[in-house]
Amino acid sequence: MNYQQYLIRDPQICGGELVIKGTRVTLRTILASLAEGATIDEILKDFPTVTEPAVRAVIAFAATSAEED
């Protein structure tokens, strides 16, 4: 998956944290929700500006990052 089309880091948005493009929802927020047991559908309800492909991009990014470490 090309997660780069869904994620952006901009110093003007959320202090430069990685966020889903077009939102102020951080990667950390999505991963924390998943870690707490939230489903993708629950995340989409909690964050209406986020799309399912964007949540999947967050997961792909986290998996890729874990492989690199």
PDB file of N, CA and C in Angstrom:
ATOM      1  N   MET A   1       0.847  -1.195   0.000  1.00  0.00           N
ATOM      2  CA  MET A   1       0.000   0.000   0.000  1.00  0.00           C
ATOM      3  C   MET A   1       0.880   1.241   0.000  1.00  0.00           C
ATOM      4  N   ASN A   2       0.465   2.213  -0.762  1.00  0.00           N
ATOM      5  CA  ASN A   2       1.173   3.490  -0.793  1.00  0.00           C
ATOM      6  C   ASN A   2       0.593   4.408   0.275  1.00  0.00           C
ATOM      7  N   TYR A   3       1.081   4.256   1.497  1.00  0.00           N
ATOM      8  CA  TYR A   3       0.550   5.048   2.609  1.00  0.00           C
ATOM      9  C   TYR A   3       0.904   6.515   2.498  1.00  0.00           C
ATOM     10  N   GLN A   4       1.906   6.849   1.709  1.00  0.00           N
ATOM     11  CA  GLN A   4       2.350   8.243   1.600  1.00  0.00           C
ATOM     12  C   GLN A   4       1.281   9.158   1.005  1.00  0.00           C
ATOM     13  N   GLN A   5       0.368   8.616   0.234  1.00  0.00           N
ATOM     14  CA  GLN A   5      -0.686   9.464  -0.329  1.00  0.00           C
ATOM     15  C   GLN A   5      -1.718   9.851   0.726  1.00  0.00           C
ATOM     16  N   TYR A   6      -1.699   9.199   1.889  1.00  0.00           N
ATOM     17  CA  TYR A   6      -2.672   9.470   2.944  1.00  0.00           C
ATOM     18  C   TYR A   6      -2.093  10.216   4.146  1.00  0.00           C
ATOM     19  N   LEU A   7      -0.778  10.208   4.284  1.00  0.00           N
ATOM     20  CA  LEU A   7      -0.141  10.772   5.475  1.00  0.00           C
ATOM     21  C   LEU A   7       0.757  11.944   5.120  1.00  0.00           C
ATOM     22  N   ILE A   8       0.841  12.897   6.036  1.00  0.00           N
ATOM     23  CA  ILE A   8       1.676  14.075   5.803  1.00  0.00           C
ATOM     24  C   ILE A   8       2.235  14.574   7.139  1.00  0.00           C
ATOM     25  N   ARG A   9       3.413  15.158   7.059  1.00  0.00           N
ATOM     26  CA  ARG A   9       4.019  15.798   8.214  1.00  0.00           C
ATOM     27  C   ARG A   9       4.264  17.261   7.824  1.00  0.00           C
ATOM     28  N   ASP A  10       3.628  18.163   8.549  1.00  0.00           N
ATOM     29  CA  ASP A  10       3.721  19.592   8.260  1.00  0.00           C
ATOM     30  C   ASP A  10       3.915  20.325   9.584  1.00  0.00           C
ATOM     31  N   PRO A  11       4.967  21.121   9.707  1.00  0.00           N
ATOM     32  CA  PRO A  11       5.210  21.816  10.967  1.00  0.00           C
ATOM     33  C   PRO A  11       4.066  22.745  11.385  1.00  0.00           C
ATOM     34  N   GLN A  12       3.211  23.115  10.448  1.00  0.00           N
ATOM     35  CA  GLN A  12       2.088  24.005  10.744  1.00  0.00           C
ATOM     36  C   GLN A  12       0.843  23.253  11.239  1.00  0.00           C
ATOM     37  N   ILE A  13       0.894  21.921  11.174  1.00  0.00           N
ATOM     38  CA  ILE A  13      -0.251  21.107  11.575  1.00  0.00           C
ATOM     39  C   ILE A  13       0.161  20.184  12.717  1.00  0.00           C
ATOM     40  N   CYS A  14      -0.492  20.318  13.843  1.00  0.00           N
ATOM     41  CA  CYS A  14      -0.264  19.451  15.019  1.00  0.00           C
ATOM     42  C   CYS A  14       1.215  19.374  15.391  1.00  0.00           C
ATOM     43  N   GLY A  15       1.899  20.492  15.287  1.00  0.00           N
ATOM     44  CA  GLY A  15       3.299  20.546  15.704  1.00  0.00           C
ATOM     45  C   GLY A  15       4.229  19.664  14.896  1.00  0.00           C
ATOM     46  N   GLY A  16       3.838  19.330  13.688  1.00  0.00           N
ATOM     47  CA  GLY A  16       4.691  18.522  12.829  1.00  0.00           C
ATOM     48  C   GLY A  16       4.514  17.022  13.004  1.00  0.00           C
ATOM     49  N   GLU A  17       3.539  16.617  13.820  1.00  0.00           N
ATOM     50  CA  GLU A  17       3.269  15.180  13.950  1.00  0.00           C
ATOM     51  C   GLU A  17       2.705  14.658  12.642  1.00  0.00           C
ATOM     52  N   LEU A  18       2.898  13.385  12.406  1.00  0.00           N
ATOM     53  CA  LEU A  18       2.343  12.748  11.221  1.00  0.00           C
ATOM     54  C   LEU A  18       0.823  12.704  11.359  1.00  0.00           C
ATOM     55  N   VAL A  19       0.117  13.230  10.348  1.00  0.00           N
ATOM     56  CA  VAL A  19      -1.347  13.274  10.362  1.00  0.00           C
ATOM     57  C   VAL A  19      -1.895  12.707   9.059  1.00  0.00           C
ATOM     58  N   ILE A  20      -3.175  12.391   9.088  1.00  0.00           N
ATOM     59  CA  ILE A  20      -3.863  11.996   7.871  1.00  0.00           C
ATOM     60  C   ILE A  20      -4.113  13.267   7.065  1.00  0.00           C
ATOM     61  N   LYS A  21      -3.726  13.235   5.793  1.00  0.00           N
ATOM     62  CA  LYS A  21      -3.869  14.414   4.934  1.00  0.00           C
ATOM     63  C   LYS A  21      -5.286  14.960   4.969  1.00  0.00           C
ATOM     64  N   GLY A  22      -5.373  16.282   5.039  1.00  0.00           N
ATOM     65  CA  GLY A  22      -6.664  16.946   5.023  1.00  0.00           C
ATOM     66  C   GLY A  22      -7.363  16.957   6.367  1.00  0.00           C
ATOM     67  N   THR A  23      -6.687  16.437   7.404  1.00  0.00           N
ATOM     68  CA  THR A  23      -7.269  16.396   8.741  1.00  0.00           C
ATOM     69  C   THR A  23      -6.233  16.862   9.763  1.00  0.00           C
ATOM     70  N   ARG A  24      -6.659  16.903  10.999  1.00  0.00           N
ATOM     71  CA  ARG A  24      -5.741  17.138  12.111  1.00  0.00           C
ATOM     72  C   ARG A  24      -5.697  15.893  12.998  1.00  0.00           C
ATOM     73  N   VAL A  25      -6.040  14.759  12.410  1.00  0.00           N
ATOM     74  CA  VAL A  25      -6.038  13.485  13.131  1.00  0.00           C
ATOM     75  C   VAL A  25      -4.652  12.860  12.972  1.00  0.00           C
ATOM     76  N   THR A  26      -3.999  12.644  14.109  1.00  0.00           N
ATOM     77  CA  THR A  26      -2.635  12.135  14.060  1.00  0.00           C
ATOM     78  C   THR A  26      -2.584  10.618  13.933  1.00  0.00           C
ATOM     79  N   LEU A  27      -1.478  10.155  13.404  1.00  0.00           N
ATOM     80  CA  LEU A  27      -1.203   8.734  13.317  1.00  0.00           C
ATOM     81  C   LEU A  27      -1.273   8.126  14.714  1.00  0.00           C
ATOM     82  N   ARG A  28      -0.704   8.819  15.677  1.00  0.00           N
ATOM     83  CA  ARG A  28      -0.699   8.348  17.059  1.00  0.00           C
ATOM     84  C   ARG A  28      -2.126   8.142  17.584  1.00  0.00           C
ATOM     85  N   THR A  29      -3.041   9.036  17.246  1.00  0.00           N
ATOM     86  CA  THR A  29      -4.429   8.932  17.697  1.00  0.00           C
ATOM     87  C   THR A  29      -5.091   7.681  17.127  1.00  0.00           C
ATOM     88  N   ILE A  30      -4.878   7.434  15.853  1.00  0.00           N
ATOM     89  CA  ILE A  30      -5.476   6.253  15.215  1.00  0.00           C
ATOM     90  C   ILE A  30      -4.893   4.976  15.807  1.00  0.00           C
ATOM     91  N   LEU A  31      -3.575   4.929  15.971  1.00  0.00           N
ATOM     92  CA  LEU A  31      -2.952   3.734  16.531  1.00  0.00           C
ATOM     93  C   LEU A  31      -3.385   3.492  17.976  1.00  0.00           C
ATOM     94  N   ALA A  32      -3.540   4.561  18.747  1.00  0.00           N
ATOM     95  CA  ALA A  32      -4.005   4.415  20.124  1.00  0.00           C
ATOM     96  C   ALA A  32      -5.424   3.854  20.151  1.00  0.00           C
ATOM     97  N   SER A  33      -6.270   4.325  19.250  1.00  0.00           N
ATOM     98  CA  SER A  33      -7.639   3.814  19.179  1.00  0.00           C
ATOM     99  C   SER A  33      -7.649   2.326  18.843  1.00  0.00           C
ATOM    100  N   LEU A  34      -6.820   1.934  17.888  1.00  0.00           N
ATOM    101  CA  LEU A  34      -6.729   0.524  17.520  1.00  0.00           C
ATOM    102  C   LEU A  34      -6.200  -0.306  18.684  1.00  0.00           C
ATOM    103  N   ALA A  35      -5.202   0.213  19.383  1.00  0.00           N
ATOM    104  CA  ALA A  35      -4.624  -0.502  20.518  1.00  0.00           C
ATOM    105  C   ALA A  35      -5.637  -0.691  21.646  1.00  0.00           C
ATOM    106  N   GLU A  36      -6.564   0.251  21.761  1.00  0.00           N
ATOM    107  CA  GLU A  36      -7.605   0.148  22.790  1.00  0.00           C
ATOM    108  C   GLU A  36      -8.743  -0.780  22.373  1.00  0.00           C
ATOM    109  N   GLY A  37      -8.652  -1.302  21.141  1.00  0.00           N
ATOM    110  CA  GLY A  37      -9.648  -2.266  20.692  1.00  0.00           C
ATOM    111  C   GLY A  37     -10.713  -1.713  19.769  1.00  0.00           C
ATOM    112  N   ALA A  38     -10.585  -0.461  19.364  1.00  0.00           N
ATOM    113  CA  ALA A  38     -11.569   0.126  18.448  1.00  0.00           C
ATOM    114  C   ALA A  38     -11.483  -0.554  17.084  1.00  0.00           C
ATOM    115  N   THR A  39     -12.640  -0.723  16.465  1.00  0.00           N
ATOM    116  CA  THR A  39     -12.671  -1.251  15.101  1.00  0.00           C
ATOM    117  C   THR A  39     -12.491  -0.078  14.127  1.00  0.00           C
ATOM    118  N   ILE A  40     -12.242  -0.425  12.890  1.00  0.00           N
ATOM    119  CA  ILE A  40     -12.122   0.627  11.881  1.00  0.00           C
ATOM    120  C   ILE A  40     -13.434   1.394  11.782  1.00  0.00           C
ATOM    121  N   ASP A  41     -14.547   0.700  11.834  1.00  0.00           N
ATOM    122  CA  ASP A  41     -15.853   1.379  11.772  1.00  0.00           C
ATOM    123  C   ASP A  41     -16.025   2.361  12.929  1.00  0.00           C
ATOM    124  N   GLU A  42     -15.592   1.971  14.119  1.00  0.00           N
ATOM    125  CA  GLU A  42     -15.692   2.878  15.274  1.00  0.00           C
ATOM    126  C   GLU A  42     -14.804   4.104  15.088  1.00  0.00           C
ATOM    127  N   ILE A  43     -13.630   3.898  14.541  1.00  0.00           N
ATOM    128  CA  ILE A  43     -12.728   5.021  14.285  1.00  0.00           C
ATOM    129  C   ILE A  43     -13.344   5.969  13.274  1.00  0.00           C
ATOM    130  N   LEU A  44     -13.951   5.419  12.236  1.00  0.00           N
ATOM    131  CA  LEU A  44     -14.586   6.252  11.209  1.00  0.00           C
ATOM    132  C   LEU A  44     -15.738   7.065  11.787  1.00  0.00           C
ATOM    133  N   LYS A  45     -16.458   6.493  12.747  1.00  0.00           N
ATOM    134  CA  LYS A  45     -17.540   7.229  13.403  1.00  0.00           C
ATOM    135  C   LYS A  45     -16.987   8.321  14.314  1.00  0.00           C
ATOM    136  N   ASP A  46     -15.891   8.010  15.016  1.00  0.00           N
ATOM    137  CA  ASP A  46     -15.282   8.982  15.929  1.00  0.00           C
ATOM    138  C   ASP A  46     -14.602  10.129  15.189  1.00  0.00           C
ATOM    139  N   PHE A  47     -14.075   9.831  14.004  1.00  0.00           N
ATOM    140  CA  PHE A  47     -13.334  10.829  13.217  1.00  0.00           C
ATOM    141  C   PHE A  47     -13.902  10.872  11.802  1.00  0.00           C
ATOM    142  N   PRO A  48     -14.998  11.596  11.600  1.00  0.00           N
ATOM    143  CA  PRO A  48     -15.695  11.575  10.303  1.00  0.00           C
ATOM    144  C   PRO A  48     -14.874  12.104   9.122  1.00  0.00           C
ATOM    145  N   THR A  49     -13.783  12.804   9.383  1.00  0.00           N
ATOM    146  CA  THR A  49     -12.945  13.294   8.280  1.00  0.00           C
ATOM    147  C   THR A  49     -11.954  12.242   7.795  1.00  0.00           C
ATOM    148  N   VAL A  50     -11.903  11.112   8.485  1.00  0.00           N
ATOM    149  CA  VAL A  50     -10.964  10.042   8.153  1.00  0.00           C
ATOM    150  C   VAL A  50     -11.677   8.985   7.310  1.00  0.00           C
ATOM    151  N   THR A  51     -10.971   8.443   6.334  1.00  0.00           N
ATOM    152  CA  THR A  51     -11.532   7.398   5.470  1.00  0.00           C
ATOM    153  C   THR A  51     -10.932   6.039   5.832  1.00  0.00           C
ATOM    154  N   GLU A  52     -11.610   4.997   5.414  1.00  0.00           N
ATOM    155  CA  GLU A  52     -11.084   3.650   5.670  1.00  0.00           C
ATOM    156  C   GLU A  52      -9.712   3.438   5.032  1.00  0.00           C
ATOM    157  N   PRO A  53      -9.500   3.850   3.778  1.00  0.00           N
ATOM    158  CA  PRO A  53      -8.164   3.681   3.213  1.00  0.00           C
ATOM    159  C   PRO A  53      -7.083   4.422   4.019  1.00  0.00           C
ATOM    160  N   ALA A  54      -7.438   5.552   4.603  1.00  0.00           N
ATOM    161  CA  ALA A  54      -6.474   6.292   5.413  1.00  0.00           C
ATOM    162  C   ALA A  54      -6.121   5.514   6.680  1.00  0.00           C
ATOM    163  N   VAL A  55      -7.115   4.883   7.312  1.00  0.00           N
ATOM    164  CA  VAL A  55      -6.837   4.065   8.502  1.00  0.00           C
ATOM    165  C   VAL A  55      -5.949   2.888   8.112  1.00  0.00           C
ATOM    166  N   ARG A  56      -6.230   2.283   6.986  1.00  0.00           N
ATOM    167  CA  ARG A  56      -5.399   1.167   6.520  1.00  0.00           C
ATOM    168  C   ARG A  56      -3.984   1.643   6.200  1.00  0.00           C
ATOM    169  N   ALA A  57      -3.848   2.872   5.719  1.00  0.00           N
ATOM    170  CA  ALA A  57      -2.523   3.441   5.464  1.00  0.00           C
ATOM    171  C   ALA A  57      -1.754   3.632   6.768  1.00  0.00           C
ATOM    172  N   VAL A  58      -2.447   4.047   7.817  1.00  0.00           N
ATOM    173  CA  VAL A  58      -1.810   4.189   9.132  1.00  0.00           C
ATOM    174  C   VAL A  58      -1.281   2.836   9.590  1.00  0.00           C
ATOM    175  N   ILE A  59      -2.080   1.798   9.432  1.00  0.00           N
ATOM    176  CA  ILE A  59      -1.666   0.456   9.832  1.00  0.00           C
ATOM    177  C   ILE A  59      -0.460   0.007   8.997  1.00  0.00           C
ATOM    178  N   ALA A  60      -0.504   0.243   7.691  1.00  0.00           N
ATOM    179  CA  ALA A  60       0.597  -0.124   6.821  1.00  0.00           C
ATOM    180  C   ALA A  60       1.872   0.627   7.198  1.00  0.00           C
ATOM    181  N   PHE A  61       1.744   1.902   7.501  1.00  0.00           N
ATOM    182  CA  PHE A  61       2.895   2.699   7.912  1.00  0.00           C
ATOM    183  C   PHE A  61       3.507   2.134   9.191  1.00  0.00           C
ATOM    184  N   ALA A  62       2.659   1.811  10.161  1.00  0.00           N
ATOM    185  CA  ALA A  62       3.141   1.265  11.425  1.00  0.00           C
ATOM    186  C   ALA A  62       3.847  -0.074  11.198  1.00  0.00           C
ATOM    187  N   ALA A  63       3.288  -0.906  10.342  1.00  0.00           N
ATOM    188  CA  ALA A  63       3.904  -2.201  10.061  1.00  0.00           C
ATOM    189  C   ALA A  63       5.255  -2.032   9.385  1.00  0.00           C
ATOM    190  N   THR A  64       5.324  -1.125   8.429  1.00  0.00           N
ATOM    191  CA  THR A  64       6.588  -0.863   7.744  1.00  0.00           C
ATOM    192  C   THR A  64       7.627  -0.303   8.701  1.00  0.00           C
ATOM    193  N   SER A  65       7.208   0.597   9.563  1.00  0.00           N
ATOM    194  CA  SER A  65       8.111   1.182  10.548  1.00  0.00           C
ATOM    195  C   SER A  65       8.643   0.120  11.506  1.00  0.00           C
ATOM    196  N   ALA A  66       7.788  -0.809  11.898  1.00  0.00           N
ATOM    197  CA  ALA A  66       8.202  -1.874  12.808  1.00  0.00           C
ATOM    198  C   ALA A  66       9.223  -2.800  12.138  1.00  0.00           C
ATOM    199  N   GLU A  67       9.041  -3.052  10.851  1.00  0.00           N
ATOM    200  CA  GLU A  67       9.975  -3.900  10.107  1.00  0.00           C
ATOM    201  C   GLU A  67      11.351  -3.251  10.019  1.00  0.00           C
ATOM    202  N   GLU A  68      11.372  -1.932   9.884  1.00  0.00           N
ATOM    203  CA  GLU A  68      12.633  -1.225   9.729  1.00  0.00           C
ATOM    204  C   GLU A  68      13.435  -1.183  11.014  1.00  0.00           C
ATOM    205  N   ASP A  69      12.732  -1.272  12.149  1.00  0.00           N
ATOM    206  CA  ASP A  69      13.429  -1.244  13.446  1.00  0.00           C
ATOM    207  C   ASP A  69      13.929  -2.624  13.745  1.00  0.00           C
TER     208      ASP A  69
END
